[in-house]
Amino acid sequence: MATSFSLIQIFETTMHFAILFAQLVYVLIAFIQTRQVKLMNTSFKTPQAPFFSFLAKIHLLAAVIVFFVSLFVLL
């Protein structure tokens, strides 16, 4: 019985780290997206450029907040 409990614990720990890794990758993608929006706004002028930059920054902020909340909850 102790073996199955330790396997469950190992599985849970592995899943926690897998979730955190996936969220960290998502934060990196959100950061890259923010940089791409900045590059797009410098090369292609539109009246909506500040709005696009704002959305990209809000998206990055939300991704970072979700990562830290899940880090606090899972560990």
PDB file of N, CA and C in Angstrom:
ATOM      1  N   MET A   1       0.811  -1.190   0.000  1.00  0.00           N
ATOM      2  CA  MET A   1       0.000   0.000   0.000  1.00  0.00           C
ATOM      3  C   MET A   1       0.862   1.265   0.000  1.00  0.00           C
ATOM      4  N   ALA A   2       1.999   1.205   0.672  1.00  0.00           N
ATOM      5  CA  ALA A   2       2.874   2.371   0.727  1.00  0.00           C
ATOM      6  C   ALA A   2       3.431   2.696  -0.653  1.00  0.00           C
ATOM      7  N   THR A   3       3.609   1.674  -1.480  1.00  0.00           N
ATOM      8  CA  THR A   3       4.138   1.897  -2.817  1.00  0.00           C
ATOM      9  C   THR A   3       3.161   2.697  -3.663  1.00  0.00           C
ATOM     10  N   SER A   4       1.880   2.362  -3.600  1.00  0.00           N
ATOM     11  CA  SER A   4       0.907   3.093  -4.403  1.00  0.00           C
ATOM     12  C   SER A   4       0.765   4.531  -3.924  1.00  0.00           C
ATOM     13  N   PHE A   5       0.872   4.759  -2.605  1.00  0.00           N
ATOM     14  CA  PHE A   5       0.794   6.127  -2.091  1.00  0.00           C
ATOM     15  C   PHE A   5       1.974   6.953  -2.575  1.00  0.00           C
ATOM     16  N   SER A   6       3.166   6.374  -2.565  1.00  0.00           N
ATOM     17  CA  SER A   6       4.329   7.115  -3.023  1.00  0.00           C
ATOM     18  C   SER A   6       4.260   7.359  -4.529  1.00  0.00           C
ATOM     19  N   LEU A   7       3.684   6.424  -5.280  1.00  0.00           N
ATOM     20  CA  LEU A   7       3.521   6.641  -6.715  1.00  0.00           C
ATOM     21  C   LEU A   7       2.533   7.769  -6.982  1.00  0.00           C
ATOM     22  N   ILE A   8       1.483   7.839  -6.188  1.00  0.00           N
ATOM     23  CA  ILE A   8       0.518   8.931  -6.333  1.00  0.00           C
ATOM     24  C   ILE A   8       1.183  10.258  -6.003  1.00  0.00           C
ATOM     25  N   GLN A   9       1.995  10.275  -4.964  1.00  0.00           N
ATOM     26  CA  GLN A   9       2.708  11.496  -4.595  1.00  0.00           C
ATOM     27  C   GLN A   9       3.676  11.914  -5.698  1.00  0.00           C
ATOM     28  N   ILE A  10       4.384  10.963  -6.257  1.00  0.00           N
ATOM     29  CA  ILE A  10       5.315  11.261  -7.347  1.00  0.00           C
ATOM     30  C   ILE A  10       4.555  11.799  -8.552  1.00  0.00           C
ATOM     31  N   PHE A  11       3.417  11.198  -8.871  1.00  0.00           N
ATOM     32  CA  PHE A  11       2.604  11.661  -9.994  1.00  0.00           C
ATOM     33  C   PHE A  11       2.108  13.084  -9.753  1.00  0.00           C
ATOM     34  N   GLU A  12       1.629  13.373  -8.547  1.00  0.00           N
ATOM     35  CA  GLU A  12       1.139  14.718  -8.239  1.00  0.00           C
ATOM     36  C   GLU A  12       2.255  15.748  -8.341  1.00  0.00           C
ATOM     37  N   THR A  13       3.411  15.424  -7.805  1.00  0.00           N
ATOM     38  CA  THR A  13       4.545  16.345  -7.872  1.00  0.00           C
ATOM     39  C   THR A  13       4.971  16.579  -9.313  1.00  0.00           C
ATOM     40  N   THR A  14       5.006  15.516 -10.093  1.00  0.00           N
ATOM     41  CA  THR A  14       5.362  15.646 -11.503  1.00  0.00           C
ATOM     42  C   THR A  14       4.360  16.520 -12.244  1.00  0.00           C
ATOM     43  N   MET A  15       3.081  16.329 -11.970  1.00  0.00           N
ATOM     44  CA  MET A  15       2.052  17.143 -12.623  1.00  0.00           C
ATOM     45  C   MET A  15       2.148  18.607 -12.204  1.00  0.00           C
ATOM     46  N   HIS A  16       2.455  18.871 -10.940  1.00  0.00           N
ATOM     47  CA  HIS A  16       2.610  20.254 -10.485  1.00  0.00           C
ATOM     48  C   HIS A  16       3.729  20.946 -11.259  1.00  0.00           C
ATOM     49  N   PHE A  17       4.866  20.263 -11.371  1.00  0.00           N
ATOM     50  CA  PHE A  17       5.980  20.868 -12.093  1.00  0.00           C
ATOM     51  C   PHE A  17       5.694  20.979 -13.589  1.00  0.00           C
ATOM     52  N   ALA A  18       4.961  20.034 -14.148  1.00  0.00           N
ATOM     53  CA  ALA A  18       4.599  20.118 -15.566  1.00  0.00           C
ATOM     54  C   ALA A  18       3.680  21.307 -15.815  1.00  0.00           C
ATOM     55  N   ILE A  19       2.729  21.524 -14.917  1.00  0.00           N
ATOM     56  CA  ILE A  19       1.819  22.671 -15.051  1.00  0.00           C
ATOM     57  C   ILE A  19       2.594  23.972 -14.928  1.00  0.00           C
ATOM     58  N   LEU A  20       3.486  24.051 -13.952  1.00  0.00           N
ATOM     59  CA  LEU A  20       4.284  25.267 -13.783  1.00  0.00           C
ATOM     60  C   LEU A  20       5.190  25.505 -14.985  1.00  0.00           C
ATOM     61  N   PHE A  21       5.758  24.442 -15.539  1.00  0.00           N
ATOM     62  CA  PHE A  21       6.603  24.587 -16.722  1.00  0.00           C
ATOM     63  C   PHE A  21       5.788  25.094 -17.909  1.00  0.00           C
ATOM     64  N   ALA A  22       4.595  24.536 -18.100  1.00  0.00           N
ATOM     65  CA  ALA A  22       3.738  24.976 -19.206  1.00  0.00           C
ATOM     66  C   ALA A  22       3.347  26.440 -19.033  1.00  0.00           C
ATOM     67  N   GLN A  23       3.064  26.849 -17.813  1.00  0.00           N
ATOM     68  CA  GLN A  23       2.702  28.243 -17.583  1.00  0.00           C
ATOM     69  C   GLN A  23       3.900  29.167 -17.779  1.00  0.00           C
ATOM     70  N   LEU A  24       5.085  28.707 -17.418  1.00  0.00           N
ATOM     71  CA  LEU A  24       6.283  29.508 -17.651  1.00  0.00           C
ATOM     72  C   LEU A  24       6.524  29.690 -19.147  1.00  0.00           C
ATOM     73  N   VAL A  25       6.315  28.636 -19.914  1.00  0.00           N
ATOM     74  CA  VAL A  25       6.433  28.739 -21.373  1.00  0.00           C
ATOM     75  C   VAL A  25       5.407  29.736 -21.908  1.00  0.00           C
ATOM     76  N   TYR A  26       4.196  29.717 -21.350  1.00  0.00           N
ATOM     77  CA  TYR A  26       3.158  30.652 -21.778  1.00  0.00           C
ATOM     78  C   TYR A  26       3.557  32.092 -21.462  1.00  0.00           C
ATOM     79  N   VAL A  27       4.192  32.315 -20.314  1.00  0.00           N
ATOM     80  CA  VAL A  27       4.667  33.660 -19.974  1.00  0.00           C
ATOM     81  C   VAL A  27       5.726  34.103 -20.982  1.00  0.00           C
ATOM     82  N   LEU A  28       6.613  33.200 -21.368  1.00  0.00           N
ATOM     83  CA  LEU A  28       7.628  33.545 -22.368  1.00  0.00           C
ATOM     84  C   LEU A  28       6.987  33.873 -23.715  1.00  0.00           C
ATOM     85  N   ILE A  29       5.965  33.125 -24.092  1.00  0.00           N
ATOM     86  CA  ILE A  29       5.260  33.410 -25.344  1.00  0.00           C
ATOM     87  C   ILE A  29       4.563  34.765 -25.264  1.00  0.00           C
ATOM     88  N   ALA A  30       3.968  35.084 -24.122  1.00  0.00           N
ATOM     89  CA  ALA A  30       3.320  36.386 -23.950  1.00  0.00           C
ATOM     90  C   ALA A  30       4.349  37.511 -24.030  1.00  0.00           C
ATOM     91  N   PHE A  31       5.547  37.286 -23.487  1.00  0.00           N
ATOM     92  CA  PHE A  31       6.607  38.292 -23.583  1.00  0.00           C
ATOM     93  C   PHE A  31       7.039  38.488 -25.033  1.00  0.00           C
ATOM     94  N   ILE A  32       7.207  37.385 -25.754  1.00  0.00           N
ATOM     95  CA  ILE A  32       7.581  37.477 -27.169  1.00  0.00           C
ATOM     96  C   ILE A  32       6.492  38.193 -27.957  1.00  0.00           C
ATOM     97  N   GLN A  33       5.245  37.919 -27.632  1.00  0.00           N
ATOM     98  CA  GLN A  33       4.137  38.596 -28.306  1.00  0.00           C
ATOM     99  C   GLN A  33       4.186  40.100 -28.049  1.00  0.00           C
ATOM    100  N   THR A  34       4.514  40.495 -26.828  1.00  0.00           N
ATOM    101  CA  THR A  34       4.633  41.917 -26.506  1.00  0.00           C
ATOM    102  C   THR A  34       5.726  42.564 -27.347  1.00  0.00           C
ATOM    103  N   ARG A  35       6.838  41.877 -27.498  1.00  0.00           N
ATOM    104  CA  ARG A  35       7.928  42.408 -28.330  1.00  0.00           C
ATOM    105  C   ARG A  35       7.510  42.493 -29.801  1.00  0.00           C
ATOM    106  N   GLN A  36       6.758  41.510 -30.273  1.00  0.00           N
ATOM    107  CA  GLN A  36       6.307  41.528 -31.662  1.00  0.00           C
ATOM    108  C   GLN A  36       5.332  42.674 -31.913  1.00  0.00           C
ATOM    109  N   VAL A  37       4.463  42.940 -30.952  1.00  0.00           N
ATOM    110  CA  VAL A  37       3.526  44.060 -31.099  1.00  0.00           C
ATOM    111  C   VAL A  37       4.301  45.371 -31.139  1.00  0.00           C
ATOM    112  N   LYS A  38       5.326  45.491 -30.301  1.00  0.00           N
ATOM    113  CA  LYS A  38       6.154  46.701 -30.310  1.00  0.00           C
ATOM    114  C   LYS A  38       6.845  46.869 -31.663  1.00  0.00           C
ATOM    115  N   LEU A  39       7.383  45.784 -32.192  1.00  0.00           N
ATOM    116  CA  LEU A  39       8.041  45.829 -33.498  1.00  0.00           C
ATOM    117  C   LEU A  39       7.041  46.166 -34.600  1.00  0.00           C
ATOM    118  N   MET A  40       5.847  45.575 -34.528  1.00  0.00           N
ATOM    119  CA  MET A  40       4.806  45.857 -35.512  1.00  0.00           C
ATOM    120  C   MET A  40       4.419  47.335 -35.476  1.00  0.00           C
ATOM    121  N   ASN A  41       4.303  47.892 -34.270  1.00  0.00           N
ATOM    122  CA  ASN A  41       3.898  49.288 -34.149  1.00  0.00           C
ATOM    123  C   ASN A  41       4.961  50.247 -34.668  1.00  0.00           C
ATOM    124  N   THR A  42       6.227  49.861 -34.611  1.00  0.00           N
ATOM    125  CA  THR A  42       7.263  50.739 -35.152  1.00  0.00           C
ATOM    126  C   THR A  42       7.351  50.641 -36.673  1.00  0.00           C
ATOM    127  N   SER A  43       7.022  49.490 -37.228  1.00  0.00           N
ATOM    128  CA  SER A  43       7.147  49.328 -38.677  1.00  0.00           C
ATOM    129  C   SER A  43       5.858  49.623 -39.432  1.00  0.00           C
ATOM    130  N   PHE A  44       4.732  49.553 -38.736  1.00  0.00           N
ATOM    131  CA  PHE A  44       3.440  49.758 -39.397  1.00  0.00           C
ATOM    132  C   PHE A  44       2.605  50.682 -38.528  1.00  0.00           C
ATOM    133  N   LYS A  45       2.455  51.918 -38.960  1.00  0.00           N
ATOM    134  CA  LYS A  45       1.767  52.931 -38.158  1.00  0.00           C
ATOM    135  C   LYS A  45       0.254  52.818 -38.330  1.00  0.00           C
ATOM    136  N   THR A  46      -0.440  52.695 -37.200  1.00  0.00           N
ATOM    137  CA  THR A  46      -1.902  52.696 -37.196  1.00  0.00           C
ATOM    138  C   THR A  46      -2.381  53.538 -36.020  1.00  0.00           C
ATOM    139  N   PRO A  47      -3.600  54.048 -36.100  1.00  0.00           N
ATOM    140  CA  PRO A  47      -4.133  54.791 -34.958  1.00  0.00           C
ATOM    141  C   PRO A  47      -4.395  53.889 -33.746  1.00  0.00           C
ATOM    142  N   GLN A  48      -4.518  52.597 -33.967  1.00  0.00           N
ATOM    143  CA  GLN A  48      -4.794  51.663 -32.879  1.00  0.00           C
ATOM    144  C   GLN A  48      -3.525  51.140 -32.201  1.00  0.00           C
ATOM    145  N   ALA A  49      -2.367  51.647 -32.571  1.00  0.00           N
ATOM    146  CA  ALA A  49      -1.101  51.149 -32.025  1.00  0.00           C
ATOM    147  C   ALA A  49      -1.053  51.203 -30.496  1.00  0.00           C
ATOM    148  N   PRO A  50      -1.455  52.300 -29.859  1.00  0.00           N
ATOM    149  CA  PRO A  50      -1.429  52.300 -28.387  1.00  0.00           C
ATOM    150  C   PRO A  50      -2.370  51.253 -27.779  1.00  0.00           C
ATOM    151  N   PHE A  51      -3.504  51.026 -28.420  1.00  0.00           N
ATOM    152  CA  PHE A  51      -4.445  50.025 -27.926  1.00  0.00           C
ATOM    153  C   PHE A  51      -3.848  48.622 -28.018  1.00  0.00           C
ATOM    154  N   PHE A  52      -3.179  48.318 -29.137  1.00  0.00           N
ATOM    155  CA  PHE A  52      -2.538  47.014 -29.293  1.00  0.00           C
ATOM    156  C   PHE A  52      -1.428  46.820 -28.258  1.00  0.00           C
ATOM    157  N   SER A  53      -0.651  47.862 -28.019  1.00  0.00           N
ATOM    158  CA  SER A  53       0.406  47.779 -27.010  1.00  0.00           C
ATOM    159  C   SER A  53      -0.184  47.559 -25.623  1.00  0.00           C
ATOM    160  N   PHE A  54      -1.268  48.260 -25.342  1.00  0.00           N
ATOM    161  CA  PHE A  54      -1.941  48.106 -24.052  1.00  0.00           C
ATOM    162  C   PHE A  54      -2.446  46.675 -23.871  1.00  0.00           C
ATOM    163  N   LEU A  55      -3.078  46.127 -24.903  1.00  0.00           N
ATOM    164  CA  LEU A  55      -3.577  44.752 -24.812  1.00  0.00           C
ATOM    165  C   LEU A  55      -2.439  43.748 -24.615  1.00  0.00           C
ATOM    166  N   ALA A  56      -1.342  43.947 -25.313  1.00  0.00           N
ATOM    167  CA  ALA A  56      -0.206  43.031 -25.179  1.00  0.00           C
ATOM    168  C   ALA A  56       0.374  43.091 -23.765  1.00  0.00           C
ATOM    169  N   LYS A  57       0.462  44.300 -23.207  1.00  0.00           N
ATOM    170  CA  LYS A  57       0.996  44.433 -21.848  1.00  0.00           C
ATOM    171  C   LYS A  57       0.046  43.843 -20.812  1.00  0.00           C
ATOM    172  N   ILE A  58      -1.258  44.036 -21.000  1.00  0.00           N
ATOM    173  CA  ILE A  58      -2.244  43.447 -20.089  1.00  0.00           C
ATOM    174  C   ILE A  58      -2.176  41.916 -20.168  1.00  0.00           C
ATOM    175  N   HIS A  59      -2.019  41.396 -21.368  1.00  0.00           N
ATOM    176  CA  HIS A  59      -1.909  39.946 -21.553  1.00  0.00           C
ATOM    177  C   HIS A  59      -0.678  39.403 -20.834  1.00  0.00           C
ATOM    178  N   LEU A  60       0.452  40.091 -20.973  1.00  0.00           N
ATOM    179  CA  LEU A  60       1.674  39.671 -20.292  1.00  0.00           C
ATOM    180  C   LEU A  60       1.503  39.746 -18.777  1.00  0.00           C
ATOM    181  N   LEU A  61       0.901  40.819 -18.298  1.00  0.00           N
ATOM    182  CA  LEU A  61       0.673  40.966 -16.863  1.00  0.00           C
ATOM    183  C   LEU A  61      -0.235  39.860 -16.327  1.00  0.00           C
ATOM    184  N   ALA A  62      -1.286  39.545 -17.060  1.00  0.00           N
ATOM    185  CA  ALA A  62      -2.201  38.476 -16.640  1.00  0.00           C
ATOM    186  C   ALA A  62      -1.482  37.125 -16.614  1.00  0.00           C
ATOM    187  N   ALA A  63      -0.642  36.871 -17.601  1.00  0.00           N
ATOM    188  CA  ALA A  63       0.099  35.603 -17.636  1.00  0.00           C
ATOM    189  C   ALA A  63       1.052  35.493 -16.449  1.00  0.00           C
ATOM    190  N   VAL A  64       1.713  36.585 -16.109  1.00  0.00           N
ATOM    191  CA  VAL A  64       2.638  36.575 -14.970  1.00  0.00           C
ATOM    192  C   VAL A  64       1.876  36.385 -13.662  1.00  0.00           C
ATOM    193  N   ILE A  65       0.743  37.065 -13.523  1.00  0.00           N
ATOM    194  CA  ILE A  65      -0.063  36.929 -12.302  1.00  0.00           C
ATOM    195  C   ILE A  65      -0.560  35.497 -12.141  1.00  0.00           C
ATOM    196  N   VAL A  66      -1.066  34.910 -13.215  1.00  0.00           N
ATOM    197  CA  VAL A  66      -1.550  33.526 -13.144  1.00  0.00           C
ATOM    198  C   VAL A  66      -0.404  32.577 -12.797  1.00  0.00           C
ATOM    199  N   PHE A  67       0.776  32.820 -13.350  1.00  0.00           N
ATOM    200  CA  PHE A  67       1.927  31.972 -13.032  1.00  0.00           C
ATOM    201  C   PHE A  67       2.267  32.041 -11.547  1.00  0.00           C
ATOM    202  N   PHE A  68       2.327  33.252 -10.994  1.00  0.00           N
ATOM    203  CA  PHE A  68       2.693  33.377  -9.584  1.00  0.00           C
ATOM    204  C   PHE A  68       1.601  32.863  -8.651  1.00  0.00           C
ATOM    205  N   VAL A  69       0.349  33.030  -9.025  1.00  0.00           N
ATOM    206  CA  VAL A  69      -0.736  32.475  -8.208  1.00  0.00           C
ATOM    207  C   VAL A  69      -0.653  30.950  -8.200  1.00  0.00           C
ATOM    208  N   SER A  70      -0.444  30.355  -9.361  1.00  0.00           N
ATOM    209  CA  SER A  70      -0.347  28.894  -9.402  1.00  0.00           C
ATOM    210  C   SER A  70       0.926  28.409  -8.712  1.00  0.00           C
ATOM    211  N   LEU A  71       1.993  29.184  -8.782  1.00  0.00           N
ATOM    212  CA  LEU A  71       3.213  28.833  -8.057  1.00  0.00           C
ATOM    213  C   LEU A  71       2.939  28.810  -6.558  1.00  0.00           C
ATOM    214  N   PHE A  72       2.212  29.798  -6.076  1.00  0.00           N
ATOM    215  CA  PHE A  72       1.859  29.860  -4.655  1.00  0.00           C
ATOM    216  C   PHE A  72       0.928  28.717  -4.261  1.00  0.00           C
ATOM    217  N   VAL A  73      -0.024  28.393  -5.118  1.00  0.00           N
ATOM    218  CA  VAL A  73      -1.015  27.362  -4.789  1.00  0.00           C
ATOM    219  C   VAL A  73      -0.415  25.956  -4.895  1.00  0.00           C
ATOM    220  N   LEU A  74       0.369  25.707  -5.922  1.00  0.00           N
ATOM    221  CA  LEU A  74       0.858  24.351  -6.166  1.00  0.00           C
ATOM    222  C   LEU A  74       2.048  23.960  -5.302  1.00  0.00           C
ATOM    223  N   LEU A  75       2.846  24.933  -4.897  1.00  0.00           N
ATOM    224  CA  LEU A  75       4.041  24.555  -4.112  1.00  0.00           C
ATOM    225  C   LEU A  75       3.883  24.848  -2.665  1.00  0.00           C
TER     226      LEU A  75
END
